[in-house]
Amino acid sequence: MDDEGLERGAILLLSLGEEGATEVFKHLGPREVQKLGVAMSNLKNITNERIEQVLSDFHASAEGKSPLGLNSNEYLRTVLTNALGDDKASNLIDRILIGGETGGGSGIEGLKWMDGASVAELIANEHPQIIATILVHLERDQASEILCLLPDAVRNDVVLRIATLDSIQPSALRELNDVLTKLLSGSKKQKKSSLGGVRAAAEIVNFMPGPIEGTVLESVKQYDVDLSQKIMDEMFVFGNIVDIDDRGIQLLLREIQSESLILALKGASEELSDKIFKNMSQRAAEMLRDDLDSKGPVRLSEVEAEQKEIMKIVRRLAEEGQIVLGKGEDSYV
């Protein structure tokens, strides 16, 4: 969620009233709650026009007394406590409103409610295998944030261990809980958890800034060329093309044969297909739609083969600096 989205969400939650906002928070994860909580705490001098704009976008009414006239910090304390309980709310409220360093929460579950800098400081001196085991339990963006705060050598070692981590035995998790207090909730008949692997490593590296990402992948490549390529393959899959900007899509389309594009789009999401159509002339888009509609069933292996060929073009254009892979700021200099 970008800054604009966070602000709109914060305004909406403050407008719902304590009971309504409480119900919303119950359905959000730790990272969403933390980000929205910070946004709510930072709201200052919001105009009526802005409130009405947000409410109208959500098809809501701005009638009645608005809770924006209340002390937002006290409101936030009440809502978070009702939604999360005293322990989690106390830990999170201190971090949002005070920036304090509390020790609330337990085990890895407790780490999910902490900011990245605090977690990095807490685990920095642990063995890289312990750090890897911890990070695969966290949200990918939080794990990436924590890794970026660790020393280069530790970071590279940890990503390599995540990529080669296959599964975690319950006994290992219990030992980890001795380090971080308590992770498992009592059941001794739990199956081992498949949490690491190439996909997990790729998802975490995807959130890293470009320079750090390059250093990490180069480090993995020096250890195992094939493993490095597997991580890159997971990072830049065909569906990621939807995140390329319009200019990049137009450059890419010039390089792709029509028949290849038709086959590849047979297995694409509606969002990606719509983005492709949007960056074509009206006539070309209509012809492509007709070709897709008239194309009969196609073997999945054929679709995947064409998608891989297109991804080779994507990577080449990215290496040449003609397109930028993924979303994010600072795409152009």
C-alpha atoms as a PDB file:
ATOM      1  CA  MET A   1       0.000   0.000   0.000  1.00  0.00           C
ATOM      2  CA  ASP A   2       1.516   3.377  -1.020  1.00  0.00           C
ATOM      3  CA  ASP A   3       1.527   6.552   1.091  1.00  0.00           C
ATOM      4  CA  GLU A   4      -1.619   7.873  -0.598  1.00  0.00           C
ATOM      5  CA  GLY A   5      -3.433   4.609   0.042  1.00  0.00           C
ATOM      6  CA  LEU A   6      -2.327   4.558   3.669  1.00  0.00           C
ATOM      7  CA  GLU A   7      -3.593   8.084   4.255  1.00  0.00           C
ATOM      8  CA  ARG A   8      -6.942   7.303   2.645  1.00  0.00           C
ATOM      9  CA  GLY A   9      -7.234   4.137   4.715  1.00  0.00           C
ATOM     10  CA  ALA A  10      -6.392   6.029   7.893  1.00  0.00           C
ATOM     11  CA  ILE A  11      -9.018   8.702   7.177  1.00  0.00           C
ATOM     12  CA  LEU A  12     -11.629   6.038   6.459  1.00  0.00           C
ATOM     13  CA  LEU A  13     -10.852   4.134   9.672  1.00  0.00           C
ATOM     14  CA  LEU A  14     -11.038   7.293  11.756  1.00  0.00           C
ATOM     15  CA  SER A  15     -14.366   8.024  10.133  1.00  0.00           C
ATOM     16  CA  LEU A  16     -15.852   4.619  10.899  1.00  0.00           C
ATOM     17  CA  GLY A  17     -15.968   5.072  14.655  1.00  0.00           C
ATOM     18  CA  GLU A  18     -14.237   2.903  17.232  1.00  0.00           C
ATOM     19  CA  GLU A  19     -16.484  -0.141  16.848  1.00  0.00           C
ATOM     20  CA  GLY A  20     -16.319  -0.176  13.072  1.00  0.00           C
ATOM     21  CA  ALA A  21     -12.564   0.401  12.945  1.00  0.00           C
ATOM     22  CA  THR A  22     -12.057  -2.358  15.508  1.00  0.00           C
ATOM     23  CA  GLU A  23     -13.804  -4.863  13.249  1.00  0.00           C
ATOM     24  CA  VAL A  24     -11.614  -3.814  10.297  1.00  0.00           C
ATOM     25  CA  PHE A  25      -8.402  -4.192  12.285  1.00  0.00           C
ATOM     26  CA  LYS A  26      -9.369  -7.729  13.289  1.00  0.00           C
ATOM     27  CA  HIS A  27      -9.093  -8.794   9.649  1.00  0.00           C
ATOM     28  CA  LEU A  28      -5.685  -7.219   8.958  1.00  0.00           C
ATOM     29  CA  GLY A  29      -2.219  -8.669   9.390  1.00  0.00           C
ATOM     30  CA  PRO A  30       0.515  -7.248  11.647  1.00  0.00           C
ATOM     31  CA  ARG A  31       2.203  -5.221   8.895  1.00  0.00           C
ATOM     32  CA  GLU A  32      -1.054  -3.667   7.678  1.00  0.00           C
ATOM     33  CA  VAL A  33      -2.082  -2.773  11.224  1.00  0.00           C
ATOM     34  CA  GLN A  34       1.276  -1.189  11.943  1.00  0.00           C
ATOM     35  CA  LYS A  35       1.350   0.842   8.722  1.00  0.00           C
ATOM     36  CA  LEU A  36      -2.252   2.040   9.109  1.00  0.00           C
ATOM     37  CA  GLY A  37      -1.686   2.784  12.799  1.00  0.00           C
ATOM     38  CA  VAL A  38       1.279   5.006  11.990  1.00  0.00           C
ATOM     39  CA  ALA A  39      -0.739   6.753   9.264  1.00  0.00           C
ATOM     40  CA  MET A  40      -3.640   7.355  11.677  1.00  0.00           C
ATOM     41  CA  SER A  41      -1.278   8.738  14.297  1.00  0.00           C
ATOM     42  CA  ASN A  42       0.302  11.102  11.765  1.00  0.00           C
ATOM     43  CA  LEU A  43      -2.956  12.553  10.430  1.00  0.00           C
ATOM     44  CA  LYS A  44      -2.955  16.290  11.028  1.00  0.00           C
ATOM     45  CA  ASN A  45      -5.163  19.135   9.764  1.00  0.00           C
ATOM     46  CA  ILE A  46      -7.321  17.042   7.446  1.00  0.00           C
ATOM     47  CA  THR A  47      -9.825  19.241   5.643  1.00  0.00           C
ATOM     48  CA  ASN A  48     -13.515  18.441   5.352  1.00  0.00           C
ATOM     49  CA  GLU A  49     -13.118  18.378   1.600  1.00  0.00           C
ATOM     50  CA  ARG A  50     -10.469  15.666   1.868  1.00  0.00           C
ATOM     51  CA  ILE A  51     -12.648  13.613   4.235  1.00  0.00           C
ATOM     52  CA  GLU A  52     -15.647  13.902   1.908  1.00  0.00           C
ATOM     53  CA  GLN A  53     -13.484  12.877  -1.047  1.00  0.00           C
ATOM     54  CA  VAL A  54     -12.293   9.710   0.689  1.00  0.00           C
ATOM     55  CA  LEU A  55     -15.756   8.800   1.945  1.00  0.00           C
ATOM     56  CA  SER A  56     -17.335   9.299  -1.452  1.00  0.00           C
ATOM     57  CA  ASP A  57     -14.691   7.071  -3.018  1.00  0.00           C
ATOM     58  CA  PHE A  58     -15.777   4.311  -0.665  1.00  0.00           C
ATOM     59  CA  HIS A  59     -19.449   5.057  -1.308  1.00  0.00           C
ATOM     60  CA  ALA A  60     -19.923   6.088   2.322  1.00  0.00           C
ATOM     61  CA  SER A  61     -21.787   8.938   3.924  1.00  0.00           C
ATOM     62  CA  ALA A  62     -20.136  11.832   5.743  1.00  0.00           C
ATOM     63  CA  GLU A  63     -23.215  12.553   7.834  1.00  0.00           C
ATOM     64  CA  GLY A  64     -23.204  12.736  11.609  1.00  0.00           C
ATOM     65  CA  LYS A  65     -20.451  13.545  14.036  1.00  0.00           C
ATOM     66  CA  SER A  66     -16.965  12.661  12.787  1.00  0.00           C
ATOM     67  CA  PRO A  67     -14.518  10.983  15.193  1.00  0.00           C
ATOM     68  CA  LEU A  68     -11.783  13.098  13.599  1.00  0.00           C
ATOM     69  CA  GLY A  69     -12.588  15.690  16.246  1.00  0.00           C
ATOM     70  CA  LEU A  70     -11.390  13.288  18.951  1.00  0.00           C
ATOM     71  CA  ASN A  71      -7.850  12.789  20.167  1.00  0.00           C
ATOM     72  CA  SER A  72      -6.548  10.410  17.503  1.00  0.00           C
ATOM     73  CA  ASN A  73      -3.965   8.853  19.831  1.00  0.00           C
ATOM     74  CA  GLU A  74      -6.569   7.909  22.443  1.00  0.00           C
ATOM     75  CA  TYR A  75      -8.869   6.685  19.695  1.00  0.00           C
ATOM     76  CA  LEU A  76      -6.046   4.543  18.292  1.00  0.00           C
ATOM     77  CA  ARG A  77      -5.317   3.053  21.725  1.00  0.00           C
ATOM     78  CA  THR A  78      -8.961   2.055  22.163  1.00  0.00           C
ATOM     79  CA  VAL A  79      -9.346   0.570  18.691  1.00  0.00           C
ATOM     80  CA  LEU A  80      -6.108  -1.431  18.762  1.00  0.00           C
ATOM     81  CA  THR A  81      -6.751  -2.736  22.274  1.00  0.00           C
ATOM     82  CA  ASN A  82     -10.266  -3.867  21.341  1.00  0.00           C
ATOM     83  CA  ALA A  83      -9.079  -5.495  18.129  1.00  0.00           C
ATOM     84  CA  LEU A  84      -5.814  -7.085  19.234  1.00  0.00           C
ATOM     85  CA  GLY A  85      -5.963  -7.518  22.985  1.00  0.00           C
ATOM     86  CA  ASP A  86      -3.888  -5.816  25.652  1.00  0.00           C
ATOM     87  CA  ASP A  87      -0.528  -7.513  24.986  1.00  0.00           C
ATOM     88  CA  LYS A  88      -0.260  -7.005  21.221  1.00  0.00           C
ATOM     89  CA  ALA A  89      -1.841  -3.570  21.347  1.00  0.00           C
ATOM     90  CA  SER A  90       0.488  -2.361  24.110  1.00  0.00           C
ATOM     91  CA  ASN A  91       3.555  -3.400  22.131  1.00  0.00           C
ATOM     92  CA  LEU A  92       2.318  -1.882  18.890  1.00  0.00           C
ATOM     93  CA  ILE A  93       0.978   1.339  20.430  1.00  0.00           C
ATOM     94  CA  ASP A  94       4.316   2.055  22.081  1.00  0.00           C
ATOM     95  CA  ARG A  95       6.074   1.660  18.735  1.00  0.00           C
ATOM     96  CA  ILE A  96       3.568   3.778  16.835  1.00  0.00           C
ATOM     97  CA  LEU A  97       2.982   6.598  19.284  1.00  0.00           C
ATOM     98  CA  ILE A  98       6.142   6.664  21.366  1.00  0.00           C
ATOM     99  CA  GLY A  99       8.746   4.799  19.348  1.00  0.00           C
ATOM    100  CA  GLY A 100       9.668   2.954  22.533  1.00  0.00           C
ATOM    101  CA  GLU A 101      11.267  -0.449  22.667  1.00  0.00           C
ATOM    102  CA  THR A 102       8.980  -2.836  24.445  1.00  0.00           C
ATOM    103  CA  GLY A 103       9.365  -6.551  24.727  1.00  0.00           C
ATOM    104  CA  GLY A 104       5.721  -7.493  24.279  1.00  0.00           C
ATOM    105  CA  GLY A 105       4.633 -10.491  22.295  1.00  0.00           C
ATOM    106  CA  SER A 106       6.187 -13.931  22.306  1.00  0.00           C
ATOM    107  CA  GLY A 107       8.468 -15.818  19.969  1.00  0.00           C
ATOM    108  CA  ILE A 108       8.373 -15.159  16.255  1.00  0.00           C
ATOM    109  CA  GLU A 109       4.744 -14.081  16.468  1.00  0.00           C
ATOM    110  CA  GLY A 110       5.909 -11.208  18.641  1.00  0.00           C
ATOM    111  CA  LEU A 111       8.516 -10.205  16.036  1.00  0.00           C
ATOM    112  CA  LYS A 112       5.737  -9.687  13.466  1.00  0.00           C
ATOM    113  CA  TRP A 113       4.517  -6.727  15.502  1.00  0.00           C
ATOM    114  CA  MET A 114       7.942  -5.067  15.770  1.00  0.00           C
ATOM    115  CA  ASP A 115       9.619  -2.639  13.392  1.00  0.00           C
ATOM    116  CA  GLY A 116      12.460  -3.919  11.226  1.00  0.00           C
ATOM    117  CA  ALA A 117      15.229  -2.014  13.016  1.00  0.00           C
ATOM    118  CA  SER A 118      14.292  -3.496  16.397  1.00  0.00           C
ATOM    119  CA  VAL A 119      14.169  -7.045  15.029  1.00  0.00           C
ATOM    120  CA  ALA A 120      17.503  -6.579  13.239  1.00  0.00           C
ATOM    121  CA  GLU A 121      19.109  -5.402  16.450  1.00  0.00           C
ATOM    122  CA  LEU A 122      17.617  -8.318  18.352  1.00  0.00           C
ATOM    123  CA  ILE A 123      18.798 -11.086  16.002  1.00  0.00           C
ATOM    124  CA  ALA A 124      21.979  -9.552  14.509  1.00  0.00           C
ATOM    125  CA  ASN A 125      24.317 -11.648  16.664  1.00  0.00           C
ATOM    126  CA  GLU A 126      22.484 -14.942  16.147  1.00  0.00           C
ATOM    127  CA  HIS A 127      23.852 -17.667  13.884  1.00  0.00           C
ATOM    128  CA  PRO A 128      22.890 -17.079  10.202  1.00  0.00           C
ATOM    129  CA  GLN A 129      20.906 -20.339  10.210  1.00  0.00           C
ATOM    130  CA  ILE A 130      18.850 -19.090  13.162  1.00  0.00           C
ATOM    131  CA  ILE A 131      18.272 -15.759  11.392  1.00  0.00           C
ATOM    132  CA  ALA A 132      17.188 -17.562   8.206  1.00  0.00           C
ATOM    133  CA  THR A 133      14.753 -19.727  10.153  1.00  0.00           C
ATOM    134  CA  ILE A 134      13.264 -16.650  11.818  1.00  0.00           C
ATOM    135  CA  LEU A 135      12.917 -14.616   8.625  1.00  0.00           C
ATOM    136  CA  VAL A 136      11.015 -17.270   6.650  1.00  0.00           C
ATOM    137  CA  HIS A 137       8.263 -17.001   9.269  1.00  0.00           C
ATOM    138  CA  LEU A 138       7.843 -13.240   8.718  1.00  0.00           C
ATOM    139  CA  GLU A 139       6.107 -11.291   5.964  1.00  0.00           C
ATOM    140  CA  ARG A 140       8.395 -10.984   2.945  1.00  0.00           C
ATOM    141  CA  ASP A 141       8.646  -7.180   3.040  1.00  0.00           C
ATOM    142  CA  GLN A 142       9.453  -7.211   6.765  1.00  0.00           C
ATOM    143  CA  ALA A 143      12.092  -9.914   6.253  1.00  0.00           C
ATOM    144  CA  SER A 144      13.622  -7.888   3.428  1.00  0.00           C
ATOM    145  CA  GLU A 145      13.688  -4.738   5.558  1.00  0.00           C
ATOM    146  CA  ILE A 146      15.460  -6.628   8.355  1.00  0.00           C
ATOM    147  CA  LEU A 147      18.012  -8.154   5.977  1.00  0.00           C
ATOM    148  CA  CYS A 148      18.878  -4.744   4.554  1.00  0.00           C
ATOM    149  CA  LEU A 149      19.818  -3.617   8.066  1.00  0.00           C
ATOM    150  CA  LEU A 150      22.240  -6.501   8.647  1.00  0.00           C
ATOM    151  CA  PRO A 151      25.944  -6.442   7.655  1.00  0.00           C
ATOM    152  CA  ASP A 152      26.636  -7.432   4.033  1.00  0.00           C
ATOM    153  CA  ALA A 153      28.356 -10.720   4.875  1.00  0.00           C
ATOM    154  CA  VAL A 154      25.574 -11.797   7.217  1.00  0.00           C
ATOM    155  CA  ARG A 155      22.858 -10.745   4.760  1.00  0.00           C
ATOM    156  CA  ASN A 156      24.367 -12.712   1.877  1.00  0.00           C
ATOM    157  CA  ASP A 157      24.876 -15.785   4.043  1.00  0.00           C
ATOM    158  CA  VAL A 158      21.292 -15.642   5.327  1.00  0.00           C
ATOM    159  CA  VAL A 159      19.732 -15.357   1.835  1.00  0.00           C
ATOM    160  CA  LEU A 160      21.767 -18.358   0.707  1.00  0.00           C
ATOM    161  CA  ARG A 161      20.540 -20.347   3.708  1.00  0.00           C
ATOM    162  CA  ILE A 162      16.933 -19.328   3.040  1.00  0.00           C
ATOM    163  CA  ALA A 163      17.229 -20.475  -0.575  1.00  0.00           C
ATOM    164  CA  THR A 164      18.593 -23.868   0.485  1.00  0.00           C
ATOM    165  CA  LEU A 165      16.259 -24.301   3.456  1.00  0.00           C
ATOM    166  CA  ASP A 166      13.890 -27.160   2.698  1.00  0.00           C
ATOM    167  CA  SER A 167      11.897 -27.774   5.853  1.00  0.00           C
ATOM    168  CA  ILE A 168      11.998 -27.244   9.596  1.00  0.00           C
ATOM    169  CA  GLN A 169      11.509 -30.037  12.082  1.00  0.00           C
ATOM    170  CA  PRO A 170       9.280 -29.382  15.111  1.00  0.00           C
ATOM    171  CA  SER A 171      12.254 -30.069  17.396  1.00  0.00           C
ATOM    172  CA  ALA A 172      14.241 -27.337  15.647  1.00  0.00           C
ATOM    173  CA  LEU A 173      11.370 -24.913  16.069  1.00  0.00           C
ATOM    174  CA  ARG A 174      11.190 -25.716  19.772  1.00  0.00           C
ATOM    175  CA  GLU A 175      14.916 -25.008  20.096  1.00  0.00           C
ATOM    176  CA  LEU A 176      14.363 -21.729  18.278  1.00  0.00           C
ATOM    177  CA  ASN A 177      11.620 -20.876  20.755  1.00  0.00           C
ATOM    178  CA  ASP A 178      14.151 -21.231  23.548  1.00  0.00           C
ATOM    179  CA  VAL A 179      15.980 -18.331  21.889  1.00  0.00           C
ATOM    180  CA  LEU A 180      12.885 -16.203  21.191  1.00  0.00           C
ATOM    181  CA  THR A 181      10.673 -17.480  24.072  1.00  0.00           C
ATOM    182  CA  LYS A 182       7.780 -19.412  22.492  1.00  0.00           C
ATOM    183  CA  LEU A 183       6.674 -20.118  18.910  1.00  0.00           C
ATOM    184  CA  LEU A 184       4.674 -23.336  18.943  1.00  0.00           C
ATOM    185  CA  SER A 185       1.315 -23.255  20.690  1.00  0.00           C
ATOM    186  CA  GLY A 186       1.537 -26.608  22.455  1.00  0.00           C
ATOM    187  CA  SER A 187       0.838 -29.272  19.862  1.00  0.00           C
ATOM    188  CA  LYS A 188       3.583 -31.899  19.720  1.00  0.00           C
ATOM    189  CA  LYS A 189       2.118 -33.638  16.667  1.00  0.00           C
ATOM    190  CA  GLN A 190       2.876 -30.976  14.132  1.00  0.00           C
ATOM    191  CA  LYS A 191       4.284 -31.848  10.742  1.00  0.00           C
ATOM    192  CA  LYS A 192       7.515 -30.259   9.638  1.00  0.00           C
ATOM    193  CA  SER A 193       7.013 -26.888   7.973  1.00  0.00           C
ATOM    194  CA  SER A 194       8.144 -26.173   4.412  1.00  0.00           C
ATOM    195  CA  LEU A 195       8.894 -22.483   4.721  1.00  0.00           C
ATOM    196  CA  GLY A 196      12.209 -21.832   3.007  1.00  0.00           C
ATOM    197  CA  GLY A 197      13.426 -22.584  -0.493  1.00  0.00           C
ATOM    198  CA  VAL A 198      14.090 -20.715  -3.705  1.00  0.00           C
ATOM    199  CA  ARG A 199      10.644 -19.086  -3.858  1.00  0.00           C
ATOM    200  CA  ALA A 200      10.949 -17.691  -0.320  1.00  0.00           C
ATOM    201  CA  ALA A 201      14.419 -16.323  -1.070  1.00  0.00           C
ATOM    202  CA  ALA A 202      13.209 -14.764  -4.347  1.00  0.00           C
ATOM    203  CA  GLU A 203      10.199 -13.116  -2.696  1.00  0.00           C
ATOM    204  CA  ILE A 204      12.394 -11.603   0.014  1.00  0.00           C
ATOM    205  CA  VAL A 205      15.079 -10.405  -2.408  1.00  0.00           C
ATOM    206  CA  ASN A 206      12.339  -8.868  -4.576  1.00  0.00           C
ATOM    207  CA  PHE A 207      11.732  -6.270  -1.852  1.00  0.00           C
ATOM    208  CA  MET A 208      15.395  -5.236  -1.613  1.00  0.00           C
ATOM    209  CA  PRO A 209      16.724  -2.042  -3.220  1.00  0.00           C
ATOM    210  CA  GLY A 210      18.538  -2.627  -6.512  1.00  0.00           C
ATOM    211  CA  PRO A 211      22.160  -2.322  -5.292  1.00  0.00           C
ATOM    212  CA  ILE A 212      21.614  -4.655  -2.318  1.00  0.00           C
ATOM    213  CA  GLU A 213      19.679  -7.094  -4.505  1.00  0.00           C
ATOM    214  CA  GLY A 214      22.578  -7.253  -6.968  1.00  0.00           C
ATOM    215  CA  THR A 215      25.139  -7.871  -4.228  1.00  0.00           C
ATOM    216  CA  VAL A 216      23.069 -10.658  -2.700  1.00  0.00           C
ATOM    217  CA  LEU A 217      22.475 -12.437  -6.012  1.00  0.00           C
ATOM    218  CA  GLU A 218      26.151 -12.159  -6.940  1.00  0.00           C
ATOM    219  CA  SER A 219      27.085 -13.705  -3.602  1.00  0.00           C
ATOM    220  CA  VAL A 220      24.709 -16.621  -4.181  1.00  0.00           C
ATOM    221  CA  LYS A 221      26.050 -16.992  -7.730  1.00  0.00           C
ATOM    222  CA  GLN A 222      29.604 -17.398  -6.446  1.00  0.00           C
ATOM    223  CA  TYR A 223      28.396 -20.228  -4.230  1.00  0.00           C
ATOM    224  CA  ASP A 224      26.058 -21.906  -6.729  1.00  0.00           C
ATOM    225  CA  VAL A 225      25.401 -20.580 -10.240  1.00  0.00           C
ATOM    226  CA  ASP A 226      22.330 -22.767 -10.770  1.00  0.00           C
ATOM    227  CA  LEU A 227      20.802 -21.710  -7.455  1.00  0.00           C
ATOM    228  CA  SER A 228      21.333 -18.054  -8.315  1.00  0.00           C
ATOM    229  CA  GLN A 229      19.575 -18.562 -11.656  1.00  0.00           C
ATOM    230  CA  LYS A 230      16.677 -20.354  -9.976  1.00  0.00           C
ATOM    231  CA  ILE A 231      16.195 -17.429  -7.597  1.00  0.00           C
ATOM    232  CA  MET A 232      16.250 -14.970 -10.522  1.00  0.00           C
ATOM    233  CA  ASP A 233      13.746 -17.109 -12.430  1.00  0.00           C
ATOM    234  CA  GLU A 234      11.359 -16.962  -9.467  1.00  0.00           C
ATOM    235  CA  MET A 235      11.839 -13.225  -9.091  1.00  0.00           C
ATOM    236  CA  PHE A 236      11.043 -12.348 -12.687  1.00  0.00           C
ATOM    237  CA  VAL A 237       8.146 -14.552 -13.739  1.00  0.00           C
ATOM    238  CA  PHE A 238       5.860 -13.825 -16.660  1.00  0.00           C
ATOM    239  CA  GLY A 239       3.158 -12.355 -14.428  1.00  0.00           C
ATOM    240  CA  ASN A 240       5.585  -9.692 -13.241  1.00  0.00           C
ATOM    241  CA  ILE A 241       5.335  -8.026 -16.659  1.00  0.00           C
ATOM    242  CA  VAL A 242       2.191  -6.317 -15.348  1.00  0.00           C
ATOM    243  CA  ASP A 243       4.463  -4.222 -13.101  1.00  0.00           C
ATOM    244  CA  ILE A 244       6.464  -2.799 -16.012  1.00  0.00           C
ATOM    245  CA  ASP A 245       5.426   0.754 -16.891  1.00  0.00           C
ATOM    246  CA  ASP A 246       3.546   1.581 -20.094  1.00  0.00           C
ATOM    247  CA  ARG A 247       6.634   2.785 -21.939  1.00  0.00           C
ATOM    248  CA  GLY A 248       8.390  -0.488 -21.134  1.00  0.00           C
ATOM    249  CA  ILE A 249       5.393  -2.545 -22.269  1.00  0.00           C
ATOM    250  CA  GLN A 250       5.375  -0.711 -25.593  1.00  0.00           C
ATOM    251  CA  LEU A 251       9.107  -1.394 -26.099  1.00  0.00           C
ATOM    252  CA  LEU A 252       8.570  -5.046 -25.225  1.00  0.00           C
ATOM    253  CA  LEU A 253       5.679  -5.453 -27.675  1.00  0.00           C
ATOM    254  CA  ARG A 254       7.929  -4.319 -30.537  1.00  0.00           C
ATOM    255  CA  GLU A 255      10.190  -7.308 -29.834  1.00  0.00           C
ATOM    256  CA  ILE A 256       7.514 -10.018 -29.620  1.00  0.00           C
ATOM    257  CA  GLN A 257       6.011 -11.907 -32.538  1.00  0.00           C
ATOM    258  CA  SER A 258       2.202 -11.882 -32.681  1.00  0.00           C
ATOM    259  CA  GLU A 259       1.807 -15.687 -32.506  1.00  0.00           C
ATOM    260  CA  SER A 260       4.166 -15.882 -29.538  1.00  0.00           C
ATOM    261  CA  LEU A 261       2.165 -13.226 -27.684  1.00  0.00           C
ATOM    262  CA  ILE A 262      -1.137 -15.018 -28.381  1.00  0.00           C
ATOM    263  CA  LEU A 263       0.162 -18.281 -26.922  1.00  0.00           C
ATOM    264  CA  ALA A 264       1.732 -16.594 -23.894  1.00  0.00           C
ATOM    265  CA  LEU A 265      -1.426 -14.666 -23.051  1.00  0.00           C
ATOM    266  CA  LYS A 266      -3.481 -17.879 -23.004  1.00  0.00           C
ATOM    267  CA  GLY A 267      -2.097 -18.446 -19.535  1.00  0.00           C
ATOM    268  CA  ALA A 268      -1.994 -14.811 -18.397  1.00  0.00           C
ATOM    269  CA  SER A 269      -4.101 -13.007 -15.825  1.00  0.00           C
ATOM    270  CA  GLU A 270      -6.857 -10.655 -16.920  1.00  0.00           C
ATOM    271  CA  GLU A 271      -4.902  -7.762 -15.378  1.00  0.00           C
ATOM    272  CA  LEU A 272      -1.841  -8.495 -17.513  1.00  0.00           C
ATOM    273  CA  SER A 273      -3.890  -8.995 -20.669  1.00  0.00           C
ATOM    274  CA  ASP A 274      -5.667  -5.674 -20.115  1.00  0.00           C
ATOM    275  CA  LYS A 275      -2.325  -3.907 -19.682  1.00  0.00           C
ATOM    276  CA  ILE A 276      -1.077  -5.368 -22.953  1.00  0.00           C
ATOM    277  CA  PHE A 277      -4.247  -4.292 -24.788  1.00  0.00           C
ATOM    278  CA  LYS A 278      -3.992  -0.799 -23.307  1.00  0.00           C
ATOM    279  CA  ASN A 279      -0.542  -0.309 -24.804  1.00  0.00           C
ATOM    280  CA  MET A 280      -1.553  -1.301 -28.327  1.00  0.00           C
ATOM    281  CA  SER A 281      -3.442   0.618 -30.951  1.00  0.00           C
ATOM    282  CA  GLN A 282      -7.185   0.070 -30.878  1.00  0.00           C
ATOM    283  CA  ARG A 283      -7.082  -1.932 -34.109  1.00  0.00           C
ATOM    284  CA  ALA A 284      -4.162  -4.114 -32.971  1.00  0.00           C
ATOM    285  CA  ALA A 285      -5.836  -4.753 -29.601  1.00  0.00           C
ATOM    286  CA  GLU A 286      -9.089  -5.795 -31.282  1.00  0.00           C
ATOM    287  CA  MET A 287      -7.222  -8.171 -33.598  1.00  0.00           C
ATOM    288  CA  LEU A 288      -5.338  -9.695 -30.664  1.00  0.00           C
ATOM    289  CA  ARG A 289      -8.571 -10.189 -28.719  1.00  0.00           C
ATOM    290  CA  ASP A 290     -10.164 -11.892 -31.729  1.00  0.00           C
ATOM    291  CA  ASP A 291      -7.127 -14.157 -32.153  1.00  0.00           C
ATOM    292  CA  LEU A 292      -7.215 -15.101 -28.461  1.00  0.00           C
ATOM    293  CA  ASP A 293     -10.935 -15.849 -28.595  1.00  0.00           C
ATOM    294  CA  SER A 294     -10.593 -17.998 -31.710  1.00  0.00           C
ATOM    295  CA  LYS A 295      -7.530 -19.858 -30.430  1.00  0.00           C
ATOM    296  CA  GLY A 296      -8.528 -23.311 -29.254  1.00  0.00           C
ATOM    297  CA  PRO A 297      -7.153 -25.190 -26.251  1.00  0.00           C
ATOM    298  CA  VAL A 298      -3.361 -25.041 -26.001  1.00  0.00           C
ATOM    299  CA  ARG A 299      -1.018 -27.337 -24.113  1.00  0.00           C
ATOM    300  CA  LEU A 300       0.240 -25.766 -20.909  1.00  0.00           C
ATOM    301  CA  SER A 301       3.798 -26.716 -21.874  1.00  0.00           C
ATOM    302  CA  GLU A 302       3.469 -24.657 -25.075  1.00  0.00           C
ATOM    303  CA  VAL A 303       2.170 -21.637 -23.141  1.00  0.00           C
ATOM    304  CA  GLU A 304       4.997 -21.863 -20.608  1.00  0.00           C
ATOM    305  CA  ALA A 305       7.586 -22.240 -23.374  1.00  0.00           C
ATOM    306  CA  GLU A 306       6.397 -19.031 -25.071  1.00  0.00           C
ATOM    307  CA  GLN A 307       6.298 -17.193 -21.761  1.00  0.00           C
ATOM    308  CA  LYS A 308       9.909 -18.225 -21.090  1.00  0.00           C
ATOM    309  CA  GLU A 309      10.949 -16.939 -24.515  1.00  0.00           C
ATOM    310  CA  ILE A 310       9.273 -13.598 -23.804  1.00  0.00           C
ATOM    311  CA  MET A 311      10.982 -13.446 -20.405  1.00  0.00           C
ATOM    312  CA  LYS A 312      14.345 -13.790 -22.170  1.00  0.00           C
ATOM    313  CA  ILE A 313      13.464 -10.656 -24.121  1.00  0.00           C
ATOM    314  CA  VAL A 314      12.334  -8.936 -20.907  1.00  0.00           C
ATOM    315  CA  ARG A 315      15.640  -9.713 -19.184  1.00  0.00           C
ATOM    316  CA  ARG A 316      17.649  -8.562 -22.206  1.00  0.00           C
ATOM    317  CA  LEU A 317      15.808  -5.243 -22.357  1.00  0.00           C
ATOM    318  CA  ALA A 318      16.280  -4.832 -18.598  1.00  0.00           C
ATOM    319  CA  GLU A 319      20.012  -5.534 -18.836  1.00  0.00           C
ATOM    320  CA  GLU A 320      20.276  -3.001 -21.666  1.00  0.00           C
ATOM    321  CA  GLY A 321      18.546  -0.454 -19.447  1.00  0.00           C
ATOM    322  CA  GLN A 322      15.612  -0.015 -21.816  1.00  0.00           C
ATOM    323  CA  ILE A 323      12.992  -1.169 -19.330  1.00  0.00           C
ATOM    324  CA  VAL A 324      12.740  -1.303 -15.539  1.00  0.00           C
ATOM    325  CA  LEU A 325      11.521  -4.507 -13.936  1.00  0.00           C
ATOM    326  CA  GLY A 326       8.978  -4.154 -11.171  1.00  0.00           C
ATOM    327  CA  LYS A 327       7.250  -1.234  -9.500  1.00  0.00           C
ATOM    328  CA  GLY A 328       8.887   1.320  -7.307  1.00  0.00           C
ATOM    329  CA  GLU A 329      10.271   4.789  -7.083  1.00  0.00           C
ATOM    330  CA  ASP A 330      13.438   6.098  -8.723  1.00  0.00           C
ATOM    331  CA  SER A 331      12.796   4.165 -11.926  1.00  0.00           C
ATOM    332  CA  TYR A 332      14.458   6.873 -14.040  1.00  0.00           C
ATOM    333  CA  VAL A 333      17.530   9.052 -13.542  1.00  0.00           C
END
